[in-house]
Amino acid sequence: MSRFRSSVAALIAGASLVACRERSDPVTFAIQADRFDGAEWSEPVNLGPVVNSGFVDANASLSSNGHALYFISTRPGGFGNNDIWMSERQCLACPWEAPVNLGAVINTNAIEASPTVSDDGQLLFFYSAKSGGFGSSDIYVSQRISTSAAGDVWGPPVNLGPDVNTAAAEQGSYYVKVSGEANASVYFNRPSPGGSTDIYKVFVSHDGVPLGPAVLVPELSDPTGFDQKVSVSTDGHELFLASIRDGGLGSFDIYRLTRQSISDPWSAPEHLDAPINTPDIDSQPVLSRDGRTLIFTSIRAGGYGLQDLWISTRRPGDGQ
């Protein structure tokens, strides 16, 4: 099997005491997406051989303060298939430390992927292909029981139930609490009977319980494409989407959408050209809470394994 095909399969299947305390505290940034209109992304930089390995490393999520990176990996030391791992750093300019597997409560010998953490660090959403769900993969949530220098303890994952999960495969989970909305949201993808894969959204309570049935987000869903994963700014005015659709470079590409208010529909997707997208896979974007940093999965040249995590930064646009 070629590197491209194996990487696509993996993408579709699959992301100190002071520092630990900080990870549990929510961090709020008063950002506005239009500050970045006209801003250019820097040349992406590989996150390096501590985070990345000779295996699949992908599908990342950042804690609200940017000190913890959750991602999936097939590296040795896991429980099989994709496992969820976590790396910490002591400050935003500090290096990432050796990743730690989240353990047998979260990971199984099936696929676990798309980790995403609530702003207060108490909830971990992800999808799993383990048995006992509604379909081939379901979205779950786990509550953090404790945090210490010895590591985090997570409670047993709870299936989000029939308001979210179906007999189809639910994947690509992403949590966001948008300013101006009463409740947080979880976005995810689900295949349609017509053969596309579309983006859905469900509001959740402070405990991660769905507050009603998930709904399709039409402006994010191409009826003939594969819409995989979103990342939404905290002001709700900017969204990054990974998708295979017409107008791309042939595989998963990253797109940007904007809106003037949270009550408006999203704009048409804007394809991010070089240096973000390449003819190779560029996917699974995650935007930092301050809107300046984008981490994503890529198989571009210069990596360490089948898929690596890369980072790009930007500054507010001209005149901002």
C-alpha atoms as a PDB file:
ATOM      1  CA  MET A   1       0.000   0.000   0.000  1.00  0.00           C
ATOM      2  CA  SER A   2       1.329   3.453  -0.877  1.00  0.00           C
ATOM      3  CA  ARG A   3       2.203   6.049   1.736  1.00  0.00           C
ATOM      4  CA  PHE A   4      -0.724   8.182   0.474  1.00  0.00           C
ATOM      5  CA  ARG A   5      -3.319   5.428   0.795  1.00  0.00           C
ATOM      6  CA  SER A   6      -2.156   4.277   4.206  1.00  0.00           C
ATOM      7  CA  SER A   7      -2.164   7.873   5.425  1.00  0.00           C
ATOM      8  CA  VAL A   8      -5.685   8.517   4.115  1.00  0.00           C
ATOM      9  CA  ALA A   9      -6.888   5.347   5.831  1.00  0.00           C
ATOM     10  CA  ALA A  10      -5.354   6.449   9.108  1.00  0.00           C
ATOM     11  CA  LEU A  11      -6.897   9.915   8.791  1.00  0.00           C
ATOM     12  CA  ILE A  12     -10.359   8.514   8.115  1.00  0.00           C
ATOM     13  CA  ALA A  13     -10.004   5.964  10.911  1.00  0.00           C
ATOM     14  CA  GLY A  14      -8.520   8.555  13.277  1.00  0.00           C
ATOM     15  CA  ALA A  15      -5.144  13.376  17.038  1.00  0.00           C
ATOM     16  CA  SER A  16       4.888  20.081  36.957  1.00  0.00           C
ATOM     17  CA  LEU A  17       2.089  20.740  39.507  1.00  0.00           C
ATOM     18  CA  VAL A  18       1.890  24.373  38.415  1.00  0.00           C
ATOM     19  CA  ALA A  19       1.456  23.379  34.806  1.00  0.00           C
ATOM     20  CA  CYS A  20      -1.182  20.811  35.716  1.00  0.00           C
ATOM     21  CA  ARG A  21      -3.180  23.327  37.700  1.00  0.00           C
ATOM     22  CA  GLU A  22      -2.971  25.799  34.849  1.00  0.00           C
ATOM     23  CA  ARG A  23      -4.363  23.233  32.438  1.00  0.00           C
ATOM     24  CA  SER A  24      -7.519  22.942  34.547  1.00  0.00           C
ATOM     25  CA  ASP A  25      -8.144  26.689  34.593  1.00  0.00           C
ATOM     26  CA  PRO A  26     -10.080  28.168  31.661  1.00  0.00           C
ATOM     27  CA  VAL A  27      -8.302  30.843  29.653  1.00  0.00           C
ATOM     28  CA  THR A  28     -10.413  33.391  27.803  1.00  0.00           C
ATOM     29  CA  PHE A  29      -9.069  35.478  24.947  1.00  0.00           C
ATOM     30  CA  ALA A  30     -11.031  38.478  23.688  1.00  0.00           C
ATOM     31  CA  ILE A  31     -10.194  37.911  20.035  1.00  0.00           C
ATOM     32  CA  GLN A  32     -12.051  38.845  16.907  1.00  0.00           C
ATOM     33  CA  ALA A  33     -11.538  36.920  13.708  1.00  0.00           C
ATOM     34  CA  ASP A  34     -11.475  40.058  11.548  1.00  0.00           C
ATOM     35  CA  ARG A  35      -8.241  41.061  13.299  1.00  0.00           C
ATOM     36  CA  PHE A  36      -6.647  38.408  11.102  1.00  0.00           C
ATOM     37  CA  ASP A  37      -8.154  39.433   7.760  1.00  0.00           C
ATOM     38  CA  GLY A  38      -5.229  39.685   5.377  1.00  0.00           C
ATOM     39  CA  ALA A  39      -2.857  37.983   7.809  1.00  0.00           C
ATOM     40  CA  GLU A  40      -0.474  35.445   6.305  1.00  0.00           C
ATOM     41  CA  TRP A  41       0.423  32.099   7.854  1.00  0.00           C
ATOM     42  CA  SER A  42       4.094  31.386   8.413  1.00  0.00           C
ATOM     43  CA  GLU A  43       5.903  28.493   6.795  1.00  0.00           C
ATOM     44  CA  PRO A  44       4.788  25.441   8.813  1.00  0.00           C
ATOM     45  CA  VAL A  45       7.328  23.947  11.212  1.00  0.00           C
ATOM     46  CA  ASN A  46       7.383  20.315  12.274  1.00  0.00           C
ATOM     47  CA  LEU A  47       6.676  19.903  16.007  1.00  0.00           C
ATOM     48  CA  GLY A  48       9.827  17.787  16.204  1.00  0.00           C
ATOM     49  CA  PRO A  49      10.927  14.297  17.257  1.00  0.00           C
ATOM     50  CA  VAL A  50       9.588  14.503  20.818  1.00  0.00           C
ATOM     51  CA  VAL A  51       5.980  14.876  19.688  1.00  0.00           C
ATOM     52  CA  ASN A  52       6.327  13.205  16.305  1.00  0.00           C
ATOM     53  CA  SER A  53       7.647   9.685  15.793  1.00  0.00           C
ATOM     54  CA  GLY A  54       8.282   7.223  13.004  1.00  0.00           C
ATOM     55  CA  PHE A  55       4.603   6.261  13.187  1.00  0.00           C
ATOM     56  CA  VAL A  56       1.282   8.089  12.748  1.00  0.00           C
ATOM     57  CA  ASP A  57       1.045  11.266  14.871  1.00  0.00           C
ATOM     58  CA  ALA A  58      -2.049  13.303  14.100  1.00  0.00           C
ATOM     59  CA  ASN A  59      -5.369  14.808  15.133  1.00  0.00           C
ATOM     60  CA  ALA A  60      -4.248  17.295  17.795  1.00  0.00           C
ATOM     61  CA  SER A  61      -6.092  19.448  20.326  1.00  0.00           C
ATOM     62  CA  LEU A  62      -4.761  22.205  22.616  1.00  0.00           C
ATOM     63  CA  SER A  63      -5.769  22.995  26.179  1.00  0.00           C
ATOM     64  CA  SER A  64      -7.150  26.497  26.705  1.00  0.00           C
ATOM     65  CA  ASN A  65      -3.828  27.844  27.984  1.00  0.00           C
ATOM     66  CA  GLY A  66      -1.820  26.066  25.286  1.00  0.00           C
ATOM     67  CA  HIS A  67       0.266  24.086  27.779  1.00  0.00           C
ATOM     68  CA  ALA A  68      -1.154  20.650  26.941  1.00  0.00           C
ATOM     69  CA  LEU A  69      -1.309  18.989  23.534  1.00  0.00           C
ATOM     70  CA  TYR A  70      -3.598  15.985  23.064  1.00  0.00           C
ATOM     71  CA  PHE A  71      -3.107  13.934  19.919  1.00  0.00           C
ATOM     72  CA  ILE A  72      -3.328  10.423  18.522  1.00  0.00           C
ATOM     73  CA  SER A  73      -0.445   8.121  17.725  1.00  0.00           C
ATOM     74  CA  THR A  74       0.249   4.551  16.656  1.00  0.00           C
ATOM     75  CA  ARG A  75       3.696   4.593  18.298  1.00  0.00           C
ATOM     76  CA  PRO A  76       4.801   1.696  20.528  1.00  0.00           C
ATOM     77  CA  GLY A  77       3.635   1.767  24.134  1.00  0.00           C
ATOM     78  CA  GLY A  78      -0.060   2.055  23.357  1.00  0.00           C
ATOM     79  CA  PHE A  79      -2.949  -0.394  23.501  1.00  0.00           C
ATOM     80  CA  GLY A  80      -3.371  -0.935  19.763  1.00  0.00           C
ATOM     81  CA  ASN A  81      -4.424   1.050  16.687  1.00  0.00           C
ATOM     82  CA  ASN A  82      -4.746   4.804  17.355  1.00  0.00           C
ATOM     83  CA  ASP A  83      -4.315   5.811  21.005  1.00  0.00           C
ATOM     84  CA  ILE A  84      -4.711   9.216  22.610  1.00  0.00           C
ATOM     85  CA  TRP A  85      -1.509  10.724  24.041  1.00  0.00           C
ATOM     86  CA  MET A  86      -0.731  13.990  25.799  1.00  0.00           C
ATOM     87  CA  SER A  87       2.365  16.187  25.861  1.00  0.00           C
ATOM     88  CA  GLU A  88       2.897  19.162  28.179  1.00  0.00           C
ATOM     89  CA  ARG A  89       5.074  22.259  28.160  1.00  0.00           C
ATOM     90  CA  GLN A  90       5.813  24.596  31.053  1.00  0.00           C
ATOM     91  CA  CYS A  91       5.200  27.807  29.090  1.00  0.00           C
ATOM     92  CA  LEU A  92       4.170  28.852  25.590  1.00  0.00           C
ATOM     93  CA  ALA A  93       7.817  29.293  24.577  1.00  0.00           C
ATOM     94  CA  CYS A  94       8.940  26.069  26.290  1.00  0.00           C
ATOM     95  CA  PRO A  95       9.610  22.783  24.466  1.00  0.00           C
ATOM     96  CA  TRP A  96       7.066  19.976  24.431  1.00  0.00           C
ATOM     97  CA  GLU A  97       7.851  17.170  26.865  1.00  0.00           C
ATOM     98  CA  ALA A  98       7.741  13.432  26.217  1.00  0.00           C
ATOM     99  CA  PRO A  99       4.149  12.345  25.421  1.00  0.00           C
ATOM    100  CA  VAL A 100       2.231  10.172  27.891  1.00  0.00           C
ATOM    101  CA  ASN A 101      -0.435   7.651  26.910  1.00  0.00           C
ATOM    102  CA  LEU A 102      -3.774   8.467  28.570  1.00  0.00           C
ATOM    103  CA  GLY A 103      -4.061   4.875  29.741  1.00  0.00           C
ATOM    104  CA  ALA A 104      -6.464   1.969  29.684  1.00  0.00           C
ATOM    105  CA  VAL A 105      -9.502   3.906  30.906  1.00  0.00           C
ATOM    106  CA  ILE A 106      -9.443   5.999  27.705  1.00  0.00           C
ATOM    107  CA  ASN A 107      -7.576   3.806  25.222  1.00  0.00           C
ATOM    108  CA  THR A 108      -8.474   0.288  24.094  1.00  0.00           C
ATOM    109  CA  ASN A 109      -7.262  -2.104  21.421  1.00  0.00           C
ATOM    110  CA  ALA A 110      -9.715  -0.377  19.060  1.00  0.00           C
ATOM    111  CA  ILE A 111      -9.322   3.085  17.518  1.00  0.00           C
ATOM    112  CA  GLU A 112      -9.529   6.141  19.774  1.00  0.00           C
ATOM    113  CA  ALA A 113      -9.128   9.515  18.076  1.00  0.00           C
ATOM    114  CA  SER A 114     -10.144  13.185  17.788  1.00  0.00           C
ATOM    115  CA  PRO A 115      -9.419  14.208  21.402  1.00  0.00           C
ATOM    116  CA  THR A 116     -10.773  17.631  22.342  1.00  0.00           C
ATOM    117  CA  VAL A 117     -10.847  19.211  25.807  1.00  0.00           C
ATOM    118  CA  SER A 118     -13.264  21.655  27.420  1.00  0.00           C
ATOM    119  CA  ASP A 119     -12.016  25.113  28.376  1.00  0.00           C
ATOM    120  CA  ASP A 120     -11.813  24.205  32.070  1.00  0.00           C
ATOM    121  CA  GLY A 121      -9.942  20.988  31.266  1.00  0.00           C
ATOM    122  CA  GLN A 122     -12.518  18.807  33.000  1.00  0.00           C
ATOM    123  CA  LEU A 123     -14.054  17.122  29.946  1.00  0.00           C
ATOM    124  CA  LEU A 124     -12.350  15.060  27.254  1.00  0.00           C
ATOM    125  CA  PHE A 125     -14.404  14.304  24.141  1.00  0.00           C
ATOM    126  CA  PHE A 126     -13.184  11.780  21.593  1.00  0.00           C
ATOM    127  CA  TYR A 127     -14.446   9.033  19.341  1.00  0.00           C
ATOM    128  CA  SER A 128     -13.877   5.323  19.744  1.00  0.00           C
ATOM    129  CA  ALA A 129     -14.478   2.263  17.589  1.00  0.00           C
ATOM    130  CA  LYS A 130     -14.716  -0.023  20.628  1.00  0.00           C
ATOM    131  CA  SER A 131     -17.634  -2.414  20.898  1.00  0.00           C
ATOM    132  CA  GLY A 132     -20.813  -1.506  22.740  1.00  0.00           C
ATOM    133  CA  GLY A 133     -21.687   1.667  20.867  1.00  0.00           C
ATOM    134  CA  PHE A 134     -24.440   2.522  18.409  1.00  0.00           C
ATOM    135  CA  GLY A 135     -22.306   2.114  15.280  1.00  0.00           C
ATOM    136  CA  SER A 136     -18.807   1.450  14.026  1.00  0.00           C
ATOM    137  CA  SER A 137     -17.524   4.492  15.951  1.00  0.00           C
ATOM    138  CA  ASP A 138     -19.203   6.794  18.480  1.00  0.00           C
ATOM    139  CA  ILE A 139     -18.441  10.050  20.316  1.00  0.00           C
ATOM    140  CA  TYR A 140     -17.671   9.690  24.057  1.00  0.00           C
ATOM    141  CA  VAL A 141     -16.930  12.057  26.926  1.00  0.00           C
ATOM    142  CA  SER A 142     -14.775  11.425  30.002  1.00  0.00           C
ATOM    143  CA  GLN A 143     -14.596  13.613  33.118  1.00  0.00           C
ATOM    144  CA  ARG A 144     -11.272  14.406  34.751  1.00  0.00           C
ATOM    145  CA  ILE A 145     -11.224  12.964  38.266  1.00  0.00           C
ATOM    146  CA  SER A 146      -7.916  14.396  39.469  1.00  0.00           C
ATOM    147  CA  THR A 147      -4.718  16.115  38.374  1.00  0.00           C
ATOM    148  CA  SER A 148      -1.314  15.744  39.998  1.00  0.00           C
ATOM    149  CA  ALA A 149       2.377  15.557  39.235  1.00  0.00           C
ATOM    150  CA  ALA A 150       1.919  11.790  38.873  1.00  0.00           C
ATOM    151  CA  GLY A 151      -0.523  12.283  36.001  1.00  0.00           C
ATOM    152  CA  ASP A 152      -4.170  12.851  35.261  1.00  0.00           C
ATOM    153  CA  VAL A 153      -6.927  10.440  36.211  1.00  0.00           C
ATOM    154  CA  TRP A 154      -9.885  10.264  33.823  1.00  0.00           C
ATOM    155  CA  GLY A 155     -13.244   8.722  34.584  1.00  0.00           C
ATOM    156  CA  PRO A 156     -14.863   5.986  32.468  1.00  0.00           C
ATOM    157  CA  PRO A 157     -15.930   7.317  29.051  1.00  0.00           C
ATOM    158  CA  VAL A 158     -19.667   7.866  28.612  1.00  0.00           C
ATOM    159  CA  ASN A 159     -21.308   7.410  25.211  1.00  0.00           C
ATOM    160  CA  LEU A 160     -23.062  10.639  24.133  1.00  0.00           C
ATOM    161  CA  GLY A 161     -26.112   8.569  23.258  1.00  0.00           C
ATOM    162  CA  PRO A 162     -28.658   8.586  20.425  1.00  0.00           C
ATOM    163  CA  ASP A 163     -28.852  12.385  20.177  1.00  0.00           C
ATOM    164  CA  VAL A 164     -25.348  12.210  18.709  1.00  0.00           C
ATOM    165  CA  ASN A 165     -24.462   8.635  17.815  1.00  0.00           C
ATOM    166  CA  THR A 166     -26.183   6.491  15.203  1.00  0.00           C
ATOM    167  CA  ALA A 167     -25.641   3.244  13.349  1.00  0.00           C
ATOM    168  CA  ALA A 168     -23.274   5.234  11.125  1.00  0.00           C
ATOM    169  CA  ALA A 169     -19.741   6.269  12.131  1.00  0.00           C
ATOM    170  CA  GLU A 170     -19.450   9.483  14.148  1.00  0.00           C
ATOM    171  CA  GLN A 171     -15.909  10.907  14.157  1.00  0.00           C
ATOM    172  CA  GLY A 172     -13.919  14.162  14.080  1.00  0.00           C
ATOM    173  CA  SER A 173     -15.113  15.584  17.424  1.00  0.00           C
ATOM    174  CA  TYR A 174     -14.268  19.203  18.322  1.00  0.00           C
ATOM    175  CA  TYR A 175     -15.375  21.109  21.463  1.00  0.00           C
ATOM    176  CA  VAL A 176     -15.778  24.891  21.565  1.00  0.00           C
ATOM    177  CA  LYS A 177     -17.433  27.411  23.882  1.00  0.00           C
ATOM    178  CA  VAL A 178     -18.250  30.413  21.708  1.00  0.00           C
ATOM    179  CA  SER A 179     -18.682  33.826  23.328  1.00  0.00           C
ATOM    180  CA  GLY A 180     -22.348  34.818  23.218  1.00  0.00           C
ATOM    181  CA  GLU A 181     -23.700  31.268  23.155  1.00  0.00           C
ATOM    182  CA  ALA A 182     -25.207  29.953  26.379  1.00  0.00           C
ATOM    183  CA  ASN A 183     -23.760  26.472  25.966  1.00  0.00           C
ATOM    184  CA  ALA A 184     -20.696  24.852  24.487  1.00  0.00           C
ATOM    185  CA  SER A 185     -20.848  22.910  21.237  1.00  0.00           C
ATOM    186  CA  VAL A 186     -19.359  19.690  19.941  1.00  0.00           C
ATOM    187  CA  TYR A 187     -18.880  19.462  16.189  1.00  0.00           C
ATOM    188  CA  PHE A 188     -18.312  16.075  14.509  1.00  0.00           C
ATOM    189  CA  ASN A 189     -18.719  14.314  11.174  1.00  0.00           C
ATOM    190  CA  ARG A 190     -21.097  11.617  10.017  1.00  0.00           C
ATOM    191  CA  PRO A 191     -21.466   9.857   6.633  1.00  0.00           C
ATOM    192  CA  SER A 192     -24.664  10.491   4.701  1.00  0.00           C
ATOM    193  CA  PRO A 193     -26.740   7.967   2.741  1.00  0.00           C
ATOM    194  CA  GLY A 194     -25.648   9.761  -0.429  1.00  0.00           C
ATOM    195  CA  GLY A 195     -22.001   8.926   0.134  1.00  0.00           C
ATOM    196  CA  SER A 196     -20.701  12.252   1.448  1.00  0.00           C
ATOM    197  CA  THR A 197     -19.414  12.868   4.979  1.00  0.00           C
ATOM    198  CA  ASP A 198     -20.964  15.920   6.607  1.00  0.00           C
ATOM    199  CA  ILE A 199     -20.465  18.188   9.628  1.00  0.00           C
ATOM    200  CA  TYR A 200     -22.921  18.132  12.552  1.00  0.00           C
ATOM    201  CA  LYS A 201     -23.179  20.202  15.727  1.00  0.00           C
ATOM    202  CA  VAL A 202     -24.713  19.536  19.137  1.00  0.00           C
ATOM    203  CA  PHE A 203     -24.931  21.798  22.188  1.00  0.00           C
ATOM    204  CA  VAL A 204     -23.735  20.196  25.429  1.00  0.00           C
ATOM    205  CA  SER A 205     -24.140  20.986  29.109  1.00  0.00           C
ATOM    206  CA  HIS A 206     -21.339  21.823  31.535  1.00  0.00           C
ATOM    207  CA  ASP A 207     -21.146  18.066  32.246  1.00  0.00           C
ATOM    208  CA  GLY A 208     -20.935  17.156  28.554  1.00  0.00           C
ATOM    209  CA  VAL A 209     -24.519  15.937  28.202  1.00  0.00           C
ATOM    210  CA  PRO A 210     -26.166  16.642  24.804  1.00  0.00           C
ATOM    211  CA  LEU A 211     -28.926  19.260  25.088  1.00  0.00           C
ATOM    212  CA  GLY A 212     -30.884  17.986  22.115  1.00  0.00           C
ATOM    213  CA  PRO A 213     -30.360  16.156  18.835  1.00  0.00           C
ATOM    214  CA  ALA A 214     -27.302  16.998  16.751  1.00  0.00           C
ATOM    215  CA  VAL A 215     -28.079  19.011  13.629  1.00  0.00           C
ATOM    216  CA  LEU A 216     -26.447  19.163  10.223  1.00  0.00           C
ATOM    217  CA  VAL A 217     -24.474  22.354   9.480  1.00  0.00           C
ATOM    218  CA  PRO A 218     -25.297  22.754   5.772  1.00  0.00           C
ATOM    219  CA  GLU A 219     -22.826  25.521   4.929  1.00  0.00           C
ATOM    220  CA  LEU A 220     -19.957  23.329   6.199  1.00  0.00           C
ATOM    221  CA  SER A 221     -21.071  20.203   4.359  1.00  0.00           C
ATOM    222  CA  ASP A 222     -20.339  19.534   0.695  1.00  0.00           C
ATOM    223  CA  PRO A 223     -22.956  17.086  -0.674  1.00  0.00           C
ATOM    224  CA  THR A 224     -20.321  15.282  -2.731  1.00  0.00           C
ATOM    225  CA  GLY A 225     -17.260  15.699  -0.495  1.00  0.00           C
ATOM    226  CA  PHE A 226     -15.647  14.369   2.657  1.00  0.00           C
ATOM    227  CA  ASP A 227     -15.864  17.052   5.355  1.00  0.00           C
ATOM    228  CA  GLN A 228     -13.713  15.754   8.150  1.00  0.00           C
ATOM    229  CA  LYS A 229     -12.905  18.118  11.022  1.00  0.00           C
ATOM    230  CA  VAL A 230     -13.470  21.727  12.084  1.00  0.00           C
ATOM    231  CA  SER A 231     -11.838  24.143  14.509  1.00  0.00           C
ATOM    232  CA  VAL A 232     -13.799  27.236  15.571  1.00  0.00           C
ATOM    233  CA  SER A 233     -12.506  30.494  17.060  1.00  0.00           C
ATOM    234  CA  THR A 234     -13.749  31.453  20.513  1.00  0.00           C
ATOM    235  CA  ASP A 235     -15.590  34.501  19.130  1.00  0.00           C
ATOM    236  CA  GLY A 236     -17.416  32.235  16.673  1.00  0.00           C
ATOM    237  CA  HIS A 237     -16.435  34.372  13.674  1.00  0.00           C
ATOM    238  CA  GLU A 238     -13.800  32.090  12.118  1.00  0.00           C
ATOM    239  CA  LEU A 239     -13.725  28.393  11.317  1.00  0.00           C
ATOM    240  CA  PHE A 240     -11.133  26.082   9.787  1.00  0.00           C
ATOM    241  CA  LEU A 241     -12.333  22.989   7.940  1.00  0.00           C
ATOM    242  CA  ALA A 242     -10.493  19.913   6.672  1.00  0.00           C
ATOM    243  CA  SER A 243     -12.168  18.519   3.577  1.00  0.00           C
ATOM    244  CA  ILE A 244     -11.804  16.618   0.323  1.00  0.00           C
ATOM    245  CA  ARG A 245     -13.878  18.582  -2.188  1.00  0.00           C
ATOM    246  CA  ASP A 246     -13.707  20.222  -5.605  1.00  0.00           C
ATOM    247  CA  GLY A 247     -11.265  23.095  -5.692  1.00  0.00           C
ATOM    248  CA  GLY A 248      -8.690  21.410  -3.490  1.00  0.00           C
ATOM    249  CA  LEU A 249      -5.302  19.975  -4.365  1.00  0.00           C
ATOM    250  CA  GLY A 250      -6.486  16.368  -4.581  1.00  0.00           C
ATOM    251  CA  SER A 251      -6.547  15.137  -0.999  1.00  0.00           C
ATOM    252  CA  PHE A 252      -7.518  16.567   2.397  1.00  0.00           C
ATOM    253  CA  ASP A 253      -7.003  20.341   2.370  1.00  0.00           C
ATOM    254  CA  ILE A 254      -7.678  23.047   4.951  1.00  0.00           C
ATOM    255  CA  TYR A 255     -10.232  25.808   4.309  1.00  0.00           C
ATOM    256  CA  ARG A 256     -11.155  29.000   6.191  1.00  0.00           C
ATOM    257  CA  LEU A 257     -14.707  30.303   6.669  1.00  0.00           C
ATOM    258  CA  THR A 258     -15.823  33.501   8.388  1.00  0.00           C
ATOM    259  CA  ARG A 259     -19.005  35.263   9.500  1.00  0.00           C
ATOM    260  CA  GLN A 260     -19.840  38.679  10.960  1.00  0.00           C
ATOM    261  CA  SER A 261     -21.848  37.387  13.937  1.00  0.00           C
ATOM    262  CA  ILE A 262     -22.697  34.052  15.531  1.00  0.00           C
ATOM    263  CA  SER A 263     -26.231  34.314  14.144  1.00  0.00           C
ATOM    264  CA  ASP A 264     -24.995  34.559  10.536  1.00  0.00           C
ATOM    265  CA  PRO A 265     -24.343  31.610   8.236  1.00  0.00           C
ATOM    266  CA  TRP A 266     -20.731  30.793   7.432  1.00  0.00           C
ATOM    267  CA  SER A 267     -19.144  32.233   4.307  1.00  0.00           C
ATOM    268  CA  ALA A 268     -18.115  30.140   1.345  1.00  0.00           C
ATOM    269  CA  PRO A 269     -14.958  28.153   2.155  1.00  0.00           C
ATOM    270  CA  GLU A 270     -11.684  29.852   1.262  1.00  0.00           C
ATOM    271  CA  HIS A 271      -8.984  27.384   0.274  1.00  0.00           C
ATOM    272  CA  LEU A 272      -5.750  28.057   2.157  1.00  0.00           C
ATOM    273  CA  ASP A 273      -2.995  27.969  -0.409  1.00  0.00           C
ATOM    274  CA  ALA A 274       0.716  27.570   0.242  1.00  0.00           C
ATOM    275  CA  PRO A 275       2.296  27.328   2.715  1.00  0.00           C
ATOM    276  CA  ILE A 276      -0.568  25.546   4.550  1.00  0.00           C
ATOM    277  CA  ASN A 277      -1.858  23.258   1.800  1.00  0.00           C
ATOM    278  CA  THR A 278       0.272  21.056  -0.418  1.00  0.00           C
ATOM    279  CA  PRO A 279      -0.499  18.236  -2.890  1.00  0.00           C
ATOM    280  CA  ASP A 280      -0.071  15.898   0.097  1.00  0.00           C
ATOM    281  CA  ILE A 281      -2.514  15.450   2.991  1.00  0.00           C
ATOM    282  CA  ASP A 282      -3.028  18.591   5.101  1.00  0.00           C
ATOM    283  CA  SER A 283      -5.794  18.057   7.597  1.00  0.00           C
ATOM    284  CA  GLN A 284      -7.270  18.117  11.126  1.00  0.00           C
ATOM    285  CA  PRO A 285      -6.659  21.814  11.970  1.00  0.00           C
ATOM    286  CA  VAL A 286      -6.745  23.087  15.545  1.00  0.00           C
ATOM    287  CA  LEU A 287      -6.703  26.818  16.270  1.00  0.00           C
ATOM    288  CA  SER A 288      -5.225  28.145  19.501  1.00  0.00           C
ATOM    289  CA  ARG A 289      -7.572  30.152  21.733  1.00  0.00           C
ATOM    290  CA  ASP A 290      -5.833  33.425  20.818  1.00  0.00           C
ATOM    291  CA  GLY A 291      -6.226  32.683  17.108  1.00  0.00           C
ATOM    292  CA  ARG A 292      -2.512  33.051  16.329  1.00  0.00           C
ATOM    293  CA  THR A 293      -1.468  29.407  16.054  1.00  0.00           C
ATOM    294  CA  LEU A 294      -2.658  26.610  13.791  1.00  0.00           C
ATOM    295  CA  ILE A 295      -1.559  23.015  14.395  1.00  0.00           C
ATOM    296  CA  PHE A 296      -2.462  20.448  11.760  1.00  0.00           C
ATOM    297  CA  THR A 297      -1.671  17.003  10.387  1.00  0.00           C
ATOM    298  CA  SER A 298       0.404  16.637   7.229  1.00  0.00           C
ATOM    299  CA  ILE A 299       2.383  14.040   5.299  1.00  0.00           C
ATOM    300  CA  ARG A 300       4.505  16.698   3.537  1.00  0.00           C
ATOM    301  CA  ALA A 301       8.217  16.199   3.077  1.00  0.00           C
ATOM    302  CA  GLY A 302      10.404  16.749   6.119  1.00  0.00           C
ATOM    303  CA  GLY A 303       8.426  14.701   8.606  1.00  0.00           C
ATOM    304  CA  TYR A 304       9.450  11.819  10.842  1.00  0.00           C
ATOM    305  CA  GLY A 305       6.760   9.239  10.096  1.00  0.00           C
ATOM    306  CA  LEU A 306       3.606   8.419   8.134  1.00  0.00           C
ATOM    307  CA  GLN A 307       1.896  11.571   9.424  1.00  0.00           C
ATOM    308  CA  ASP A 308       3.266  14.381  11.569  1.00  0.00           C
ATOM    309  CA  LEU A 309       1.974  17.391  13.431  1.00  0.00           C
ATOM    310  CA  TRP A 310       3.010  20.789  12.074  1.00  0.00           C
ATOM    311  CA  ILE A 311       2.554  24.342  13.374  1.00  0.00           C
ATOM    312  CA  SER A 312       2.072  27.696  11.654  1.00  0.00           C
ATOM    313  CA  THR A 313       1.550  31.147  13.179  1.00  0.00           C
ATOM    314  CA  ARG A 314       0.145  34.503  12.090  1.00  0.00           C
ATOM    315  CA  ARG A 315      -0.094  38.063  13.313  1.00  0.00           C
ATOM    316  CA  PRO A 316      -3.094  40.406  13.047  1.00  0.00           C
ATOM    317  CA  GLY A 317      -3.540  41.783   9.538  1.00  0.00           C
ATOM    318  CA  ASP A 318      -2.479  45.154   8.195  1.00  0.00           C
ATOM    319  CA  GLY A 319      -3.999  48.060  10.062  1.00  0.00           C
ATOM    320  CA  GLN A 320      -5.115  45.963  13.042  1.00  0.00           C
END
